[in-house]
Amino acid sequence: MRQIAQFYTLFWVIYFPTCIAFNDVGPMKWVDEIMTVILIAFTMAQMGSRYVMGPRRSFYRYETQVVKKEAGVFLLVLAFFTGYSLLFGENIQKAVLRDMVQWIRPFSVIYCTWLLNPRFTIGQKNLMLYSMIATMVAWLFLHTEVVTDAEVEFAVLGQLAMCTGLAWYLFKPQSRQNMYIATALVLAGMLAPKFKYLGEVVCFVYVIFFLKKHLKFKDPKTIAVLVLMMAAVLFVTWSKFEKYYVTGFTDQAAYRMARPETYRIAFTQILWDYFPFGPGMGTWGCAAAADFYSPLLYKYKMNDVWGCSPEFRSFIADAFYPTLCQLGVVGIFFFCWFWKRRLVAFNKIHDMRYYKVVLITFFCLAIEQSADTSFLSGKGMGYCMLIALCLNANRNAWMVQKIKEQREKRKLANVSEQA
């Protein structure tokens, strides 16, 4: 237990400056891949320990076995699509392997953290929090234009601010003061917000301050609340949302913008042209499709779109959801199955603090990936770790209860001996 907590504390402290804040610095570009490999290796080394597995015939061990089985299903699905892509895919082998590494990252971070279940001391929590705040301050110090230029936008600042605010709310004792501090940290991302970050802030404020009980997705009241929250998100992001997802689909003058065109082709053409398993990994909307220029970009005339040509590839990987077409209808089914299971698991979390954090994290990922691919990059690892930490809330509550029961038994045994 102590070794796992120490490992994750170090992992966390290294992760935020190298994989989010300063990932664009040359030597930092491969840190997220290296850290993912280290995390997987560490998890495999710890799998036999009693702490990870839990006592026999216990709720803890049952949960561990469920996570292991699901992780095994994920590996089988990934192996199938990797093999399919290597044999029948539309891009070269290097592109397939590059994309495979990206797909491994978020799911391995979730499953490994979920299995290892790090339980931090107060000192370790403070070290992680203050290192995150120091990272954000250092980033702001090097990007003073966020103060002098009202038009500047940085996705990195929003990701740093949201993760730091959520971690503060999760790690610090529950109090109104800590709630306000967490909110202030999140609002720091508004110094240079991307349009999607405004929607994430709306979700944060609603969940933290107004959500009093678990959402019941079959309840009309819950559906009404979610519709209102979605309307609020659209209201604060409408100018950019309308440009990309309304005008971008309908106005012929703007029809060839990279992001809406990527969506349109993915779900109206590629998904059906390559039914049911897709054109294979590394072919559409991902970093591998840009690095190893995908033949599909020529096939669907995306090479004529600004930002998607062989000479200038910056907007080939500009949104996550279109990348799902690579895996076809079958891959989309498994992706939705994964998140359906997560939503069911979220609603089983008893502690409202953990429930709120995991719900906000889910909403942030859902919003952010509409115009970003950070879920598949190192920048998404922080959200994945937060999700896994919250998924362990019930197991940790069970452990605390068992420890209390054992202490009570010892006290009773001592009393009976003295009598």
Protein backbone atom coordinates (compact mmCIF):
# COMPACT_ATOMS: atom_id res chain seq x y z
CA MET A 1 0.00 0.00 0.00
CA ARG A 2 2.73 2.48 0.97
CA GLN A 3 4.79 1.63 -2.12
CA ILE A 4 1.80 2.17 -4.43
CA ALA A 5 0.94 5.53 -2.87
CA GLN A 6 4.58 6.67 -3.13
CA PHE A 7 4.73 5.58 -6.78
CA TYR A 8 1.56 7.48 -7.67
CA THR A 9 2.65 10.58 -5.77
CA LEU A 10 5.86 10.71 -7.83
CA PHE A 11 3.92 9.84 -11.00
CA TRP A 12 1.48 12.69 -10.35
CA VAL A 13 4.20 15.26 -9.54
CA ILE A 14 6.10 14.43 -12.75
CA TYR A 15 3.00 14.15 -14.93
CA PHE A 16 1.51 17.64 -14.74
CA PRO A 17 4.53 19.71 -15.77
CA THR A 18 5.82 17.25 -18.37
CA CYS A 19 2.65 15.89 -19.98
CA ILE A 20 0.33 18.91 -19.83
CA ALA A 21 2.05 22.23 -19.12
CA PHE A 22 5.29 21.88 -21.07
CA ASN A 23 4.63 18.88 -23.30
CA ASP A 24 5.44 20.96 -26.39
CA VAL A 25 9.06 21.31 -25.25
CA GLY A 26 11.25 18.95 -27.31
CA PRO A 27 12.47 16.43 -24.70
CA MET A 28 9.00 16.23 -23.09
CA LYS A 29 7.17 14.87 -26.15
CA TRP A 30 7.79 11.21 -25.33
CA VAL A 31 7.42 11.44 -21.55
CA ASP A 32 3.75 10.39 -21.59
CA GLU A 33 4.55 7.19 -23.52
CA ILE A 34 7.41 6.36 -21.15
CA MET A 35 5.24 7.00 -18.09
CA THR A 36 2.47 4.80 -19.50
CA VAL A 37 4.90 1.91 -19.98
CA ILE A 38 6.26 2.36 -16.45
CA LEU A 39 2.72 2.43 -15.02
CA ILE A 40 1.76 -0.81 -16.81
CA ALA A 41 4.98 -2.53 -15.70
CA PHE A 42 4.49 -1.39 -12.09
CA THR A 43 0.89 -2.61 -12.11
CA MET A 44 1.91 -6.05 -13.39
CA ALA A 45 4.56 -6.28 -10.67
CA GLN A 46 1.99 -5.44 -7.97
CA MET A 47 -0.82 -7.70 -9.15
CA GLY A 48 0.06 -10.56 -6.82
CA SER A 49 0.07 -8.44 -3.66
CA ARG A 50 -2.61 -8.94 -1.01
CA TYR A 51 -3.38 -5.21 -0.98
CA VAL A 52 -4.26 -5.15 -4.68
CA MET A 53 -6.25 -8.39 -4.65
CA GLY A 54 -7.93 -7.87 -1.28
CA PRO A 55 -9.07 -10.48 1.27
CA ARG A 56 -10.62 -13.67 -0.06
CA ARG A 57 -14.40 -13.79 -0.50
CA SER A 58 -14.68 -10.06 0.13
CA PHE A 59 -16.35 -7.18 -1.66
CA TYR A 60 -12.87 -5.77 -2.35
CA ARG A 61 -11.65 -8.91 -4.14
CA TYR A 62 -14.88 -9.20 -6.12
CA GLU A 63 -14.42 -5.64 -7.39
CA THR A 64 -10.80 -6.39 -8.30
CA GLN A 65 -11.82 -9.44 -10.29
CA VAL A 66 -14.47 -7.44 -12.17
CA VAL A 67 -11.90 -4.81 -13.14
CA LYS A 68 -9.38 -7.47 -14.22
CA LYS A 69 -11.95 -9.20 -16.44
CA GLU A 70 -12.98 -5.95 -18.08
CA ALA A 71 -9.34 -4.97 -18.63
CA GLY A 72 -8.87 -8.38 -20.28
CA VAL A 73 -11.81 -7.70 -22.61
CA PHE A 74 -10.27 -4.34 -23.53
CA LEU A 75 -6.95 -6.02 -24.41
CA LEU A 76 -8.72 -8.59 -26.57
CA VAL A 77 -10.66 -5.89 -28.42
CA LEU A 78 -7.50 -3.81 -28.90
CA ALA A 79 -5.59 -6.88 -30.14
CA PHE A 80 -8.37 -7.66 -32.64
CA PHE A 81 -8.46 -4.14 -34.10
CA THR A 82 -4.66 -3.94 -34.19
CA GLY A 83 -4.47 -7.24 -36.08
CA TYR A 84 -7.32 -6.22 -38.38
CA SER A 85 -5.63 -2.86 -39.07
CA LEU A 86 -2.26 -4.46 -39.81
CA LEU A 87 -3.83 -6.96 -42.22
CA PHE A 88 -6.62 -4.97 -43.85
CA GLY A 89 -6.14 -1.34 -42.77
CA GLU A 90 -5.74 1.58 -45.15
CA ASN A 91 -2.53 3.00 -43.64
CA ILE A 92 0.99 1.65 -43.16
CA GLN A 93 2.03 -0.53 -40.20
CA LYS A 94 3.90 2.30 -38.45
CA ALA A 95 0.67 4.35 -38.38
CA VAL A 96 -1.27 1.42 -36.92
CA LEU A 97 1.29 0.86 -34.15
CA ARG A 98 1.49 4.58 -33.41
CA ASP A 99 -2.29 4.76 -33.03
CA MET A 100 -2.37 1.56 -30.96
CA VAL A 101 -0.02 3.18 -28.42
CA GLN A 102 -2.37 6.15 -28.18
CA TRP A 103 -5.43 3.95 -27.60
CA ILE A 104 -3.61 1.99 -24.89
CA ARG A 105 -2.82 5.10 -22.86
CA PRO A 106 -6.17 6.33 -21.47
CA PHE A 107 -7.62 2.89 -20.80
CA SER A 108 -4.44 1.56 -19.18
CA VAL A 109 -4.30 4.61 -16.89
CA ILE A 110 -7.91 4.01 -15.82
CA TYR A 111 -7.58 0.25 -15.34
CA CYS A 112 -4.13 0.37 -13.66
CA THR A 113 -5.11 3.12 -11.22
CA TRP A 114 -8.43 1.40 -10.55
CA LEU A 115 -6.66 -1.88 -9.75
CA LEU A 116 -3.79 -0.43 -7.70
CA ASN A 117 -6.12 1.84 -5.71
CA PRO A 118 -3.53 4.28 -4.30
CA ARG A 119 -4.52 5.69 -0.89
CA PHE A 120 -2.57 8.85 -0.17
CA THR A 121 -1.50 10.39 3.12
CA ILE A 122 -2.30 14.04 3.84
CA GLY A 123 1.33 14.92 3.12
CA GLN A 124 1.26 13.16 -0.24
CA LYS A 125 -1.99 14.88 -1.20
CA ASN A 126 -0.56 18.28 -0.31
CA LEU A 127 2.63 17.57 -2.28
CA MET A 128 0.59 16.69 -5.37
CA LEU A 129 -1.71 19.68 -5.02
CA TYR A 130 1.01 22.26 -4.47
CA SER A 131 3.09 20.84 -7.31
CA MET A 132 0.05 21.28 -9.58
CA ILE A 133 -0.45 24.86 -8.43
CA ALA A 134 3.28 25.56 -8.89
CA THR A 135 3.07 24.12 -12.41
CA MET A 136 0.14 26.38 -13.26
CA VAL A 137 1.90 29.45 -11.83
CA ALA A 138 5.06 28.61 -13.80
CA TRP A 139 3.03 28.23 -16.98
CA LEU A 140 1.33 31.61 -16.41
CA PHE A 141 4.71 33.22 -15.70
CA LEU A 142 5.96 32.03 -19.10
CA HIS A 143 2.74 33.05 -20.90
CA THR A 144 2.12 36.61 -19.70
CA GLU A 145 0.06 37.29 -22.83
CA VAL A 146 -2.95 35.74 -21.06
CA VAL A 147 -3.07 38.94 -18.99
CA THR A 148 -2.21 41.46 -21.71
CA ASP A 149 -4.22 40.00 -24.63
CA ALA A 150 -7.94 39.41 -24.06
CA GLU A 151 -8.28 37.44 -27.34
CA VAL A 152 -5.64 34.79 -26.64
CA GLU A 153 -6.78 31.18 -26.11
CA PHE A 154 -4.89 28.25 -24.54
CA ALA A 155 -6.38 24.78 -24.10
CA VAL A 156 -3.46 23.84 -21.82
CA LEU A 157 -4.40 26.42 -19.18
CA GLY A 158 -7.96 25.10 -19.00
CA GLN A 159 -6.77 21.50 -18.59
CA LEU A 160 -4.33 22.52 -15.85
CA ALA A 161 -6.92 24.63 -14.04
CA MET A 162 -9.71 22.06 -14.19
CA CYS A 163 -7.53 19.15 -13.02
CA THR A 164 -6.07 21.26 -10.21
CA GLY A 165 -9.49 22.44 -9.04
CA LEU A 166 -10.97 18.94 -9.11
CA ALA A 167 -7.97 17.50 -7.25
CA TRP A 168 -8.23 20.22 -4.59
CA TYR A 169 -11.92 19.49 -4.07
CA LEU A 170 -11.22 15.75 -3.88
CA PHE A 171 -8.10 15.75 -1.69
CA LYS A 172 -8.92 18.49 0.79
CA PRO A 173 -11.44 18.11 3.66
CA GLN A 174 -15.01 18.88 2.68
CA SER A 175 -15.73 22.48 3.60
CA ARG A 176 -17.21 25.59 2.01
CA GLN A 177 -13.77 27.25 2.06
CA ASN A 178 -12.17 24.42 0.07
CA MET A 179 -15.14 24.48 -2.31
CA TYR A 180 -14.44 28.15 -3.04
CA ILE A 181 -10.69 27.55 -3.43
CA ALA A 182 -11.35 24.73 -5.91
CA THR A 183 -13.70 27.02 -7.84
CA ALA A 184 -11.10 29.81 -7.90
CA LEU A 185 -8.52 27.39 -9.30
CA VAL A 186 -10.93 26.30 -12.03
CA LEU A 187 -11.79 29.92 -12.87
CA ALA A 188 -8.07 30.63 -13.38
CA GLY A 189 -8.49 28.79 -16.67
CA MET A 190 -10.79 31.64 -17.79
CA LEU A 191 -7.75 33.88 -18.26
CA ALA A 192 -7.34 32.39 -21.73
CA PRO A 193 -10.27 30.04 -22.33
CA LYS A 194 -11.02 27.96 -25.41
CA PHE A 195 -14.74 28.01 -26.18
CA LYS A 196 -15.24 24.47 -24.88
CA TYR A 197 -13.75 25.41 -21.48
CA LEU A 198 -16.64 27.81 -20.86
CA GLY A 199 -18.99 24.83 -21.04
CA GLU A 200 -16.79 22.83 -18.66
CA VAL A 201 -16.93 25.67 -16.12
CA VAL A 202 -20.75 25.67 -16.35
CA CYS A 203 -20.77 21.94 -15.56
CA PHE A 204 -18.34 22.40 -12.66
CA VAL A 205 -20.37 25.17 -11.04
CA TYR A 206 -23.67 23.32 -11.43
CA VAL A 207 -22.41 20.00 -10.04
CA ILE A 208 -20.38 21.46 -7.15
CA PHE A 209 -22.94 24.00 -5.93
CA PHE A 210 -26.35 22.72 -7.02
CA LEU A 211 -26.26 18.93 -7.36
CA LYS A 212 -27.50 17.41 -4.10
CA LYS A 213 -28.09 13.77 -5.03
CA HIS A 214 -27.21 11.18 -7.65
CA LEU A 215 -28.56 11.66 -11.14
CA LYS A 216 -31.13 9.09 -12.23
CA PHE A 217 -30.87 9.00 -15.99
CA LYS A 218 -34.33 7.42 -16.41
CA ASP A 219 -35.98 10.10 -14.25
CA PRO A 220 -37.72 12.90 -16.23
CA LYS A 221 -36.47 15.47 -13.69
CA THR A 222 -32.87 14.39 -14.27
CA ILE A 223 -33.35 14.53 -18.03
CA ALA A 224 -34.82 18.04 -17.71
CA VAL A 225 -31.87 19.17 -15.56
CA LEU A 226 -29.35 17.74 -18.05
CA VAL A 227 -31.17 19.43 -20.95
CA LEU A 228 -31.03 22.77 -19.10
CA MET A 229 -27.34 22.30 -18.33
CA MET A 230 -26.69 21.44 -21.99
CA ALA A 231 -28.61 24.56 -23.01
CA ALA A 232 -26.44 26.63 -20.67
CA VAL A 233 -23.30 25.08 -22.16
CA LEU A 234 -24.51 25.86 -25.70
CA PHE A 235 -25.41 29.41 -24.64
CA VAL A 236 -21.90 30.26 -23.41
CA THR A 237 -20.19 28.49 -26.34
CA TRP A 238 -22.66 29.33 -29.09
CA SER A 239 -20.46 31.60 -31.25
CA LYS A 240 -17.86 28.88 -31.86
CA PHE A 241 -20.36 26.01 -31.75
CA GLU A 242 -22.45 27.67 -34.46
CA LYS A 243 -19.36 28.33 -36.58
CA TYR A 244 -18.13 24.74 -36.50
CA TYR A 245 -21.24 22.60 -36.10
CA VAL A 246 -24.03 24.62 -37.74
CA THR A 247 -22.59 26.93 -40.42
CA GLY A 248 -19.72 24.52 -40.96
CA PHE A 249 -22.15 21.83 -42.10
CA THR A 250 -24.58 23.97 -44.06
CA ASP A 251 -22.85 27.05 -45.48
CA GLN A 252 -21.13 26.20 -48.76
CA ALA A 253 -18.59 28.98 -48.27
CA ALA A 254 -17.39 27.40 -45.04
CA TYR A 255 -18.14 23.80 -45.99
CA ARG A 256 -14.51 22.80 -46.29
CA MET A 257 -13.45 23.73 -42.76
CA ALA A 258 -11.35 20.95 -41.27
CA ARG A 259 -13.30 20.11 -38.11
CA PRO A 260 -16.89 19.93 -39.46
CA GLU A 261 -15.64 18.21 -42.59
CA THR A 262 -13.84 15.60 -40.50
CA TYR A 263 -17.09 14.89 -38.63
CA ARG A 264 -19.24 14.81 -41.76
CA ILE A 265 -17.03 12.40 -43.70
CA ALA A 266 -16.44 10.18 -40.66
CA PHE A 267 -20.10 9.50 -39.89
CA THR A 268 -21.78 9.82 -43.28
CA GLN A 269 -19.19 8.11 -45.47
CA ILE A 270 -16.31 6.25 -43.82
CA LEU A 271 -18.47 4.47 -41.26
CA TRP A 272 -20.56 2.94 -44.06
CA ASP A 273 -17.87 2.57 -46.72
CA TYR A 274 -15.89 0.38 -44.30
CA PHE A 275 -18.74 -1.38 -42.50
CA PRO A 276 -18.51 -2.95 -39.88
CA PHE A 277 -14.87 -2.76 -38.66
CA GLY A 278 -13.78 0.54 -40.20
CA PRO A 279 -10.71 1.41 -42.28
CA GLY A 280 -8.35 0.51 -39.44
CA MET A 281 -6.30 2.37 -36.86
CA GLY A 282 -4.17 5.33 -37.86
CA THR A 283 -6.41 6.35 -40.75
CA TRP A 284 -8.69 9.22 -39.67
CA GLY A 285 -8.68 12.14 -37.25
CA CYS A 286 -5.73 10.98 -35.15
CA ALA A 287 -2.07 11.89 -34.72
CA ALA A 288 -0.96 8.81 -36.65
CA ALA A 289 -3.09 9.83 -39.65
CA ALA A 290 -1.21 13.15 -39.65
CA ASP A 291 2.27 11.78 -38.96
CA PHE A 292 1.94 9.05 -41.60
CA TYR A 293 -0.32 10.91 -44.01
CA SER A 294 -3.37 8.69 -44.36
CA PRO A 295 -4.53 7.62 -47.85
CA LEU A 296 -8.10 8.39 -46.74
CA LEU A 297 -7.25 12.09 -46.71
CA TYR A 298 -6.74 11.86 -50.46
CA LYS A 299 -9.70 9.54 -51.01
CA TYR A 300 -12.15 11.93 -49.35
CA LYS A 301 -10.47 15.11 -50.70
CA MET A 302 -9.37 16.31 -47.25
CA ASN A 303 -5.94 17.12 -48.67
CA ASP A 304 -7.58 20.21 -50.24
CA VAL A 305 -8.82 21.49 -46.86
CA TRP A 306 -6.73 24.16 -45.13
CA GLY A 307 -4.74 22.58 -42.30
CA CYS A 308 -5.08 19.04 -43.69
CA SER A 309 -2.70 19.12 -46.65
CA PRO A 310 0.54 17.09 -46.71
CA GLU A 311 2.46 20.37 -46.28
CA PHE A 312 0.38 21.68 -43.36
CA ARG A 313 -1.22 18.96 -41.20
CA SER A 314 -2.10 20.80 -37.99
CA PHE A 315 -5.88 20.22 -38.16
CA ILE A 316 -6.03 16.58 -39.21
CA ALA A 317 -6.40 15.49 -35.56
CA ASP A 318 -8.70 18.28 -34.35
CA ALA A 319 -11.51 16.36 -32.61
CA PHE A 320 -11.72 12.95 -30.93
CA TYR A 321 -15.16 11.67 -31.94
CA PRO A 322 -14.43 11.37 -35.68
CA THR A 323 -11.53 9.02 -34.87
CA LEU A 324 -14.07 6.41 -33.77
CA CYS A 325 -14.98 5.78 -37.41
CA GLN A 326 -11.58 4.06 -37.75
CA LEU A 327 -12.98 1.17 -35.72
CA GLY A 328 -16.31 1.01 -37.49
CA VAL A 329 -19.72 0.33 -35.99
CA VAL A 330 -18.26 -2.51 -33.90
CA GLY A 331 -15.61 -0.27 -32.35
CA ILE A 332 -18.17 2.43 -31.57
CA PHE A 333 -20.31 -0.20 -29.85
CA PHE A 334 -17.43 -1.23 -27.55
CA PHE A 335 -16.55 2.42 -26.84
CA CYS A 336 -20.15 3.18 -25.84
CA TRP A 337 -20.29 -0.06 -23.83
CA PHE A 338 -17.22 1.05 -21.85
CA TRP A 339 -18.74 4.42 -20.94
CA LYS A 340 -22.15 2.94 -20.20
CA ARG A 341 -20.47 0.68 -17.63
CA ARG A 342 -18.64 3.69 -16.21
CA LEU A 343 -21.87 5.68 -15.82
CA VAL A 344 -23.46 2.75 -13.99
CA ALA A 345 -20.39 2.51 -11.74
CA PHE A 346 -20.44 6.29 -11.12
CA ASN A 347 -23.99 6.10 -9.82
CA LYS A 348 -22.97 3.42 -7.31
CA ILE A 349 -20.44 5.76 -5.62
CA HIS A 350 -21.87 6.55 -2.19
CA ASP A 351 -19.67 9.51 -1.24
CA MET A 352 -21.11 12.60 -2.96
CA ARG A 353 -17.73 14.32 -3.08
CA TYR A 354 -16.26 11.52 -5.20
CA TYR A 355 -19.46 11.31 -7.23
CA LYS A 356 -19.35 15.00 -8.06
CA VAL A 357 -15.69 14.90 -9.12
CA VAL A 358 -16.15 11.86 -11.37
CA LEU A 359 -19.29 13.38 -12.93
CA ILE A 360 -17.54 16.68 -13.68
CA THR A 361 -14.56 14.80 -15.11
CA PHE A 362 -16.87 12.82 -17.40
CA PHE A 363 -18.65 15.99 -18.57
CA CYS A 364 -15.31 17.74 -19.18
CA LEU A 365 -14.02 14.86 -21.29
CA ALA A 366 -17.30 14.69 -23.22
CA ILE A 367 -17.22 18.42 -24.00
CA GLU A 368 -13.50 18.77 -24.58
CA GLN A 369 -13.23 15.91 -27.06
CA SER A 370 -15.72 17.56 -29.40
CA ALA A 371 -12.85 19.85 -30.44
CA ASP A 372 -9.75 18.13 -29.11
CA THR A 373 -7.99 14.74 -29.07
CA SER A 374 -6.43 14.99 -25.61
CA PHE A 375 -8.21 11.79 -24.48
CA LEU A 376 -5.72 9.85 -26.60
CA SER A 377 -2.72 12.00 -25.63
CA GLY A 378 -0.78 12.51 -22.43
CA LYS A 379 -2.96 15.51 -21.59
CA GLY A 380 -5.93 13.25 -20.90
CA MET A 381 -4.12 11.07 -18.35
CA GLY A 382 -4.97 13.44 -15.48
CA TYR A 383 -8.71 13.06 -16.11
CA CYS A 384 -8.30 9.28 -16.38
CA MET A 385 -6.50 9.11 -13.03
CA LEU A 386 -9.21 11.18 -11.36
CA ILE A 387 -11.91 8.86 -12.75
CA ALA A 388 -10.10 5.79 -11.41
CA LEU A 389 -9.51 7.33 -7.97
CA CYS A 390 -13.25 8.06 -7.70
CA LEU A 391 -14.19 4.55 -8.86
CA ASN A 392 -12.29 3.23 -5.82
CA ALA A 393 -14.38 5.25 -3.35
CA ASN A 394 -16.64 2.34 -2.34
CA ARG A 395 -13.75 -0.10 -1.97
CA ASN A 396 -11.91 2.35 0.26
CA ALA A 397 -15.04 2.94 2.35
CA TRP A 398 -15.34 -0.84 2.75
CA MET A 399 -11.70 -1.05 3.87
CA VAL A 400 -12.17 1.74 6.41
CA GLN A 401 -15.25 -0.01 7.78
CA LYS A 402 -13.39 -3.33 8.09
CA ILE A 403 -10.50 -1.66 9.92
CA LYS A 404 -12.97 -0.09 12.38
CA GLU A 405 -14.63 -3.45 12.95
CA GLN A 406 -11.28 -5.12 13.63
CA ARG A 407 -10.35 -2.40 16.13
CA GLU A 408 -13.67 -2.84 17.91
CA LYS A 409 -13.10 -6.60 18.12
CA ARG A 410 -9.65 -6.04 19.63
CA LYS A 411 -11.08 -3.64 22.20
CA LEU A 412 -13.77 -6.12 23.17
CA ALA A 413 -11.19 -8.91 23.39
CA ASN A 414 -8.95 -6.78 25.65
CA VAL A 415 -11.90 -5.91 27.87
CA SER A 416 -12.92 -9.55 28.23
CA GLU A 417 -9.32 -10.57 29.03
CA GLN A 418 -9.04 -7.91 31.73
CA ALA A 419 -12.36 -8.98 33.19
